[in-house]
Amino acid sequence: MPVRSVLIVDDSKTELMFLTDLLQKNQMTVRTAEGADEAFKRLSEGKPDLILMDVVMPGQNGYQLTRSINR
């Protein structure tokens, strides 16, 4: 199954911009979130084909957020 939509979760705006630019150049639809609360909001808007997530973030880290999403 080809990846067409991606959710990027990262507290670094620089990383979000870099990855968004790279993925959009490859014809992917990209949504971004700067933390757990925003990630859940984006997920409620629709399920992406792929989630790219930072591990070290304030609040819920990437591991905790992954467990929360899987529940």
PDB file of N, CA and C in Angstrom:
ATOM      1  N   MET A   1       0.839  -1.167   0.000  1.00  0.00           N
ATOM      2  CA  MET A   1       0.000   0.000   0.000  1.00  0.00           C
ATOM      3  C   MET A   1       0.894   1.244   0.000  1.00  0.00           C
ATOM      4  N   PRO A   2       0.742   2.113  -0.972  1.00  0.00           N
ATOM      5  CA  PRO A   2       1.580   3.311  -1.011  1.00  0.00           C
ATOM      6  C   PRO A   2       1.194   4.309   0.076  1.00  0.00           C
ATOM      7  N   VAL A   3       2.183   4.998   0.593  1.00  0.00           N
ATOM      8  CA  VAL A   3       1.943   6.026   1.605  1.00  0.00           C
ATOM      9  C   VAL A   3       1.564   7.318   0.890  1.00  0.00           C
ATOM     10  N   ARG A   4       0.394   7.843   1.225  1.00  0.00           N
ATOM     11  CA  ARG A   4      -0.069   9.085   0.602  1.00  0.00           C
ATOM     12  C   ARG A   4      -0.240  10.203   1.611  1.00  0.00           C
ATOM     13  N   SER A   5      -0.540   9.842   2.858  1.00  0.00           N
ATOM     14  CA  SER A   5      -0.744  10.869   3.882  1.00  0.00           C
ATOM     15  C   SER A   5       0.120  10.561   5.102  1.00  0.00           C
ATOM     16  N   VAL A   6       0.709  11.621   5.644  1.00  0.00           N
ATOM     17  CA  VAL A   6       1.644  11.474   6.758  1.00  0.00           C
ATOM     18  C   VAL A   6       1.308  12.496   7.842  1.00  0.00           C
ATOM     19  N   LEU A   7       1.345  12.053   9.078  1.00  0.00           N
ATOM     20  CA  LEU A   7       1.251  12.945  10.230  1.00  0.00           C
ATOM     21  C   LEU A   7       2.636  12.994  10.863  1.00  0.00           C
ATOM     22  N   ILE A   8       3.181  14.204  10.993  1.00  0.00           N
ATOM     23  CA  ILE A   8       4.481  14.388  11.632  1.00  0.00           C
ATOM     24  C   ILE A   8       4.243  15.016  13.000  1.00  0.00           C
ATOM     25  N   VAL A   9       4.779  14.382  14.047  1.00  0.00           N
ATOM     26  CA  VAL A   9       4.644  14.906  15.409  1.00  0.00           C
ATOM     27  C   VAL A   9       6.046  15.215  15.929  1.00  0.00           C
ATOM     28  N   ASP A  10       6.307  16.503  16.149  1.00  0.00           N
ATOM     29  CA  ASP A  10       7.631  16.926  16.609  1.00  0.00           C
ATOM     30  C   ASP A  10       7.501  18.295  17.256  1.00  0.00           C
ATOM     31  N   ASP A  11       8.210  18.524  18.340  1.00  0.00           N
ATOM     32  CA  ASP A  11       8.150  19.829  18.997  1.00  0.00           C
ATOM     33  C   ASP A  11       9.090  20.845  18.350  1.00  0.00           C
ATOM     34  N   SER A  12       9.880  20.422  17.380  1.00  0.00           N
ATOM     35  CA  SER A  12      10.806  21.312  16.677  1.00  0.00           C
ATOM     36  C   SER A  12      10.177  21.815  15.377  1.00  0.00           C
ATOM     37  N   LYS A  13       9.938  23.123  15.303  1.00  0.00           N
ATOM     38  CA  LYS A  13       9.362  23.699  14.084  1.00  0.00           C
ATOM     39  C   LYS A  13      10.297  23.513  12.894  1.00  0.00           C
ATOM     40  N   THR A  14      11.604  23.534  13.141  1.00  0.00           N
ATOM     41  CA  THR A  14      12.578  23.333  12.067  1.00  0.00           C
ATOM     42  C   THR A  14      12.418  21.948  11.453  1.00  0.00           C
ATOM     43  N   GLU A  15      12.320  20.930  12.298  1.00  0.00           N
ATOM     44  CA  GLU A  15      12.138  19.558  11.804  1.00  0.00           C
ATOM     45  C   GLU A  15      10.805  19.413  11.070  1.00  0.00           C
ATOM     46  N   LEU A  16       9.753  20.018  11.617  1.00  0.00           N
ATOM     47  CA  LEU A  16       8.442  19.955  10.964  1.00  0.00           C
ATOM     48  C   LEU A  16       8.507  20.553   9.565  1.00  0.00           C
ATOM     49  N   MET A  17       9.150  21.710   9.436  1.00  0.00           N
ATOM     50  CA  MET A  17       9.246  22.364   8.127  1.00  0.00           C
ATOM     51  C   MET A  17      10.086  21.537   7.157  1.00  0.00           C
ATOM     52  N   PHE A  18      11.214  21.017   7.621  1.00  0.00           N
ATOM     53  CA  PHE A  18      12.089  20.220   6.764  1.00  0.00           C
ATOM     54  C   PHE A  18      11.374  18.974   6.244  1.00  0.00           C
ATOM     55  N   LEU A  19      10.769  18.217   7.155  1.00  0.00           N
ATOM     56  CA  LEU A  19      10.089  16.980   6.754  1.00  0.00           C
ATOM     57  C   LEU A  19       8.862  17.258   5.894  1.00  0.00           C
ATOM     58  N   THR A  20       8.122  18.305   6.219  1.00  0.00           N
ATOM     59  CA  THR A  20       6.950  18.669   5.419  1.00  0.00           C
ATOM     60  C   THR A  20       7.367  18.975   3.992  1.00  0.00           C
ATOM     61  N   ASP A  21       8.393  19.785   3.827  1.00  0.00           N
ATOM     62  CA  ASP A  21       8.882  20.142   2.492  1.00  0.00           C
ATOM     63  C   ASP A  21       9.320  18.901   1.722  1.00  0.00           C
ATOM     64  N   LEU A  22      10.087  18.046   2.364  1.00  0.00           N
ATOM     65  CA  LEU A  22      10.585  16.828   1.723  1.00  0.00           C
ATOM     66  C   LEU A  22       9.444  15.918   1.272  1.00  0.00           C
ATOM     67  N   LEU A  23       8.481  15.698   2.141  1.00  0.00           N
ATOM     68  CA  LEU A  23       7.381  14.787   1.818  1.00  0.00           C
ATOM     69  C   LEU A  23       6.434  15.378   0.782  1.00  0.00           C
ATOM     70  N   GLN A  24       6.172  16.679   0.861  1.00  0.00           N
ATOM     71  CA  GLN A  24       5.292  17.304  -0.127  1.00  0.00           C
ATOM     72  C   GLN A  24       5.918  17.284  -1.516  1.00  0.00           C
ATOM     73  N   LYS A  25       7.230  17.372  -1.599  1.00  0.00           N
ATOM     74  CA  LYS A  25       7.917  17.266  -2.892  1.00  0.00           C
ATOM     75  C   LYS A  25       7.732  15.880  -3.494  1.00  0.00           C
ATOM     76  N   ASN A  26       7.381  14.913  -2.660  1.00  0.00           N
ATOM     77  CA  ASN A  26       7.125  13.544  -3.117  1.00  0.00           C
ATOM     78  C   ASN A  26       5.628  13.246  -3.171  1.00  0.00           C
ATOM     79  N   GLN A  27       4.844  14.293  -3.376  1.00  0.00           N
ATOM     80  CA  GLN A  27       3.396  14.214  -3.567  1.00  0.00           C
ATOM     81  C   GLN A  27       2.640  13.566  -2.405  1.00  0.00           C
ATOM     82  N   MET A  28       3.094  13.792  -1.206  1.00  0.00           N
ATOM     83  CA  MET A  28       2.387  13.274  -0.035  1.00  0.00           C
ATOM     84  C   MET A  28       1.619  14.403   0.643  1.00  0.00           C
ATOM     85  N   THR A  29       0.470  14.064   1.206  1.00  0.00           N
ATOM     86  CA  THR A  29      -0.301  15.002   2.006  1.00  0.00           C
ATOM     87  C   THR A  29       0.259  14.955   3.418  1.00  0.00           C
ATOM     88  N   VAL A  30       0.606  16.114   3.947  1.00  0.00           N
ATOM     89  CA  VAL A  30       1.269  16.172   5.251  1.00  0.00           C
ATOM     90  C   VAL A  30       0.454  17.018   6.223  1.00  0.00           C
ATOM     91  N   ARG A  31       0.256  16.478   7.418  1.00  0.00           N
ATOM     92  CA  ARG A  31      -0.310  17.239   8.536  1.00  0.00           C
ATOM     93  C   ARG A  31       0.725  17.201   9.645  1.00  0.00           C
ATOM     94  N   THR A  32       0.760  18.258  10.440  1.00  0.00           N
ATOM     95  CA  THR A  32       1.768  18.336  11.495  1.00  0.00           C
ATOM     96  C   THR A  32       1.133  18.597  12.853  1.00  0.00           C
ATOM     97  N   ALA A  33       1.864  18.207  13.887  1.00  0.00           N
ATOM     98  CA  ALA A  33       1.456  18.461  15.268  1.00  0.00           C
ATOM     99  C   ALA A  33       2.717  18.706  16.083  1.00  0.00           C
ATOM    100  N   GLU A  34       2.630  19.666  17.005  1.00  0.00           N
ATOM    101  CA  GLU A  34       3.788  20.004  17.832  1.00  0.00           C
ATOM    102  C   GLU A  34       3.767  19.318  19.194  1.00  0.00           C
ATOM    103  N   GLY A  35       2.845  18.403  19.418  1.00  0.00           N
ATOM    104  CA  GLY A  35       2.781  17.687  20.685  1.00  0.00           C
ATOM    105  C   GLY A  35       1.605  16.735  20.707  1.00  0.00           C
ATOM    106  N   ALA A  36       1.414  16.086  21.843  1.00  0.00           N
ATOM    107  CA  ALA A  36       0.400  15.041  21.979  1.00  0.00           C
ATOM    108  C   ALA A  36      -1.020  15.553  21.761  1.00  0.00           C
ATOM    109  N   ASP A  37      -1.368  16.668  22.388  1.00  0.00           N
ATOM    110  CA  ASP A  37      -2.735  17.184  22.251  1.00  0.00           C
ATOM    111  C   ASP A  37      -3.065  17.500  20.800  1.00  0.00           C
ATOM    112  N   GLU A  38      -2.133  18.153  20.129  1.00  0.00           N
ATOM    113  CA  GLU A  38      -2.342  18.496  18.726  1.00  0.00           C
ATOM    114  C   GLU A  38      -2.371  17.237  17.855  1.00  0.00           C
ATOM    115  N   ALA A  39      -1.570  16.237  18.203  1.00  0.00           N
ATOM    116  CA  ALA A  39      -1.562  14.983  17.442  1.00  0.00           C
ATOM    117  C   ALA A  39      -2.924  14.296  17.518  1.00  0.00           C
ATOM    118  N   PHE A  40      -3.519  14.256  18.714  1.00  0.00           N
ATOM    119  CA  PHE A  40      -4.845  13.642  18.849  1.00  0.00           C
ATOM    120  C   PHE A  40      -5.894  14.412  18.058  1.00  0.00           C
ATOM    121  N   LYS A  41      -5.759  15.729  18.019  1.00  0.00           N
ATOM    122  CA  LYS A  41      -6.689  16.543  17.222  1.00  0.00           C
ATOM    123  C   LYS A  41      -6.560  16.186  15.743  1.00  0.00           C
ATOM    124  N   ARG A  42      -5.333  16.096  15.250  1.00  0.00           N
ATOM    125  CA  ARG A  42      -5.106  15.737  13.839  1.00  0.00           C
ATOM    126  C   ARG A  42      -5.625  14.326  13.542  1.00  0.00           C
ATOM    127  N   LEU A  43      -5.425  13.403  14.472  1.00  0.00           N
ATOM    128  CA  LEU A  43      -5.905  12.036  14.263  1.00  0.00           C
ATOM    129  C   LEU A  43      -7.428  11.977  14.231  1.00  0.00           C
ATOM    130  N   SER A  44      -8.086  12.858  14.970  1.00  0.00           N
ATOM    131  CA  SER A  44      -9.553  12.882  14.944  1.00  0.00           C
ATOM    132  C   SER A  44     -10.079  13.403  13.612  1.00  0.00           C
ATOM    133  N   GLU A  45      -9.229  14.111  12.874  1.00  0.00           N
ATOM    134  CA  GLU A  45      -9.609  14.643  11.561  1.00  0.00           C
ATOM    135  C   GLU A  45      -9.464  13.601  10.456  1.00  0.00           C
ATOM    136  N   GLY A  46      -8.773  12.513  10.738  1.00  0.00           N
ATOM    137  CA  GLY A  46      -8.580  11.456   9.755  1.00  0.00           C
ATOM    138  C   GLY A  46      -7.310  10.684  10.037  1.00  0.00           C
ATOM    139  N   LYS A  47      -7.333   9.418   9.689  1.00  0.00           N
ATOM    140  CA  LYS A  47      -6.205   8.530   9.955  1.00  0.00           C
ATOM    141  C   LYS A  47      -5.181   8.618   8.820  1.00  0.00           C
ATOM    142  N   PRO A  48      -3.920   8.941   9.135  1.00  0.00           N
ATOM    143  CA  PRO A  48      -2.883   8.985   8.101  1.00  0.00           C
ATOM    144  C   PRO A  48      -2.381   7.582   7.773  1.00  0.00           C
ATOM    145  N   ASP A  49      -1.702   7.463   6.641  1.00  0.00           N
ATOM    146  CA  ASP A  49      -1.079   6.189   6.279  1.00  0.00           C
ATOM    147  C   ASP A  49       0.164   5.924   7.127  1.00  0.00           C
ATOM    148  N   LEU A  50       0.811   6.999   7.580  1.00  0.00           N
ATOM    149  CA  LEU A  50       2.067   6.884   8.320  1.00  0.00           C
ATOM    150  C   LEU A  50       2.162   8.010   9.345  1.00  0.00           C
ATOM    151  N   ILE A  51       2.702   7.699  10.520  1.00  0.00           N
ATOM    152  CA  ILE A  51       2.981   8.717  11.533  1.00  0.00           C
ATOM    153  C   ILE A  51       4.486   8.720  11.788  1.00  0.00           C
ATOM    154  N   LEU A  52       5.108   9.890  11.615  1.00  0.00           N
ATOM    155  CA  LEU A  52       6.514  10.082  11.964  1.00  0.00           C
ATOM    156  C   LEU A  52       6.535  10.884  13.255  1.00  0.00           C
ATOM    157  N   MET A  53       7.205  10.353  14.276  1.00  0.00           N
ATOM    158  CA  MET A  53       7.116  10.987  15.586  1.00  0.00           C
ATOM    159  C   MET A  53       8.482  11.104  16.254  1.00  0.00           C
ATOM    160  N   ASP A  54       8.726  12.272  16.818  1.00  0.00           N
ATOM    161  CA  ASP A  54       9.909  12.500  17.638  1.00  0.00           C
ATOM    162  C   ASP A  54       9.758  11.686  18.926  1.00  0.00           C
ATOM    163  N   VAL A  55      10.866  11.238  19.472  1.00  0.00           N
ATOM    164  CA  VAL A  55      10.818  10.486  20.724  1.00  0.00           C
ATOM    165  C   VAL A  55      10.892  11.431  21.919  1.00  0.00           C
ATOM    166  N   VAL A  56      11.762  12.430  21.845  1.00  0.00           N
ATOM    167  CA  VAL A  56      11.977  13.342  22.968  1.00  0.00           C
ATOM    168  C   VAL A  56      11.144  14.608  22.758  1.00  0.00           C
ATOM    169  N   MET A  57      10.036  14.695  23.509  1.00  0.00           N
ATOM    170  CA  MET A  57       9.152  15.860  23.453  1.00  0.00           C
ATOM    171  C   MET A  57       8.685  16.166  24.866  1.00  0.00           C
ATOM    172  N   PRO A  58       8.379  17.439  25.148  1.00  0.00           N
ATOM    173  CA  PRO A  58       7.839  17.769  26.469  1.00  0.00           C
ATOM    174  C   PRO A  58       6.439  17.182  26.641  1.00  0.00           C
ATOM    175  N   GLY A  59       6.042  16.976  27.877  1.00  0.00           N
ATOM    176  CA  GLY A  59       4.735  16.348  28.112  1.00  0.00           C
ATOM    177  C   GLY A  59       4.861  14.862  27.830  1.00  0.00           C
ATOM    178  N   GLN A  60       4.020  14.363  26.944  1.00  0.00           N
ATOM    179  CA  GLN A  60       4.120  12.951  26.545  1.00  0.00           C
ATOM    180  C   GLN A  60       5.258  12.804  25.548  1.00  0.00           C
ATOM    181  N   ASN A  61       6.170  11.857  25.804  1.00  0.00           N
ATOM    182  CA  ASN A  61       7.213  11.612  24.816  1.00  0.00           C
ATOM    183  C   ASN A  61       6.653  10.711  23.714  1.00  0.00           C
ATOM    184  N   GLY A  62       7.445  10.459  22.705  1.00  0.00           N
ATOM    185  CA  GLY A  62       6.984   9.681  21.563  1.00  0.00           C
ATOM    186  C   GLY A  62       6.530   8.274  21.911  1.00  0.00           C
ATOM    187  N   TYR A  63       7.204   7.639  22.860  1.00  0.00           N
ATOM    188  CA  TYR A  63       6.812   6.288  23.267  1.00  0.00           C
ATOM    189  C   TYR A  63       5.445   6.297  23.957  1.00  0.00           C
ATOM    190  N   GLN A  64       5.267   7.246  24.866  1.00  0.00           N
ATOM    191  CA  GLN A  64       3.983   7.347  25.579  1.00  0.00           C
ATOM    192  C   GLN A  64       2.848   7.668  24.610  1.00  0.00           C
ATOM    193  N   LEU A  65       3.109   8.570  23.678  1.00  0.00           N
ATOM    194  CA  LEU A  65       2.089   8.941  22.705  1.00  0.00           C
ATOM    195  C   LEU A  65       1.726   7.763  21.808  1.00  0.00           C
ATOM    196  N   THR A  66       2.715   6.988  21.408  1.00  0.00           N
ATOM    197  CA  THR A  66       2.447   5.803  20.585  1.00  0.00           C
ATOM    198  C   THR A  66       1.553   4.821  21.332  1.00  0.00           C
ATOM    199  N   ARG A  67       1.843   4.597  22.611  1.00  0.00           N
ATOM    200  CA  ARG A  67       0.992   3.700  23.406  1.00  0.00           C
ATOM    201  C   ARG A  67      -0.430   4.248  23.506  1.00  0.00           C
ATOM    202  N   SER A  68      -0.566   5.550  23.697  1.00  0.00           N
ATOM    203  CA  SER A  68      -1.897   6.166  23.798  1.00  0.00           C
ATOM    204  C   SER A  68      -2.670   6.033  22.491  1.00  0.00           C
ATOM    205  N   ILE A  69      -1.992   6.207  21.375  1.00  0.00           N
ATOM    206  CA  ILE A  69      -2.644   6.093  20.063  1.00  0.00           C
ATOM    207  C   ILE A  69      -3.113   4.667  19.825  1.00  0.00           C
ATOM    208  N   ASN A  70      -2.312   3.695  20.234  1.00  0.00           N
ATOM    209  CA  ASN A  70      -2.654   2.288  19.999  1.00  0.00           C
ATOM    210  C   ASN A  70      -3.819   1.798  20.846  1.00  0.00           C
ATOM    211  N   ARG A  71      -4.180   2.538  21.888  1.00  0.00           N
ATOM    212  CA  ARG A  71      -5.284   2.115  22.767  1.00  0.00           C
ATOM    213  C   ARG A  71      -6.580   2.413  22.167  1.00  0.00           C
TER     214      ARG A  71
END
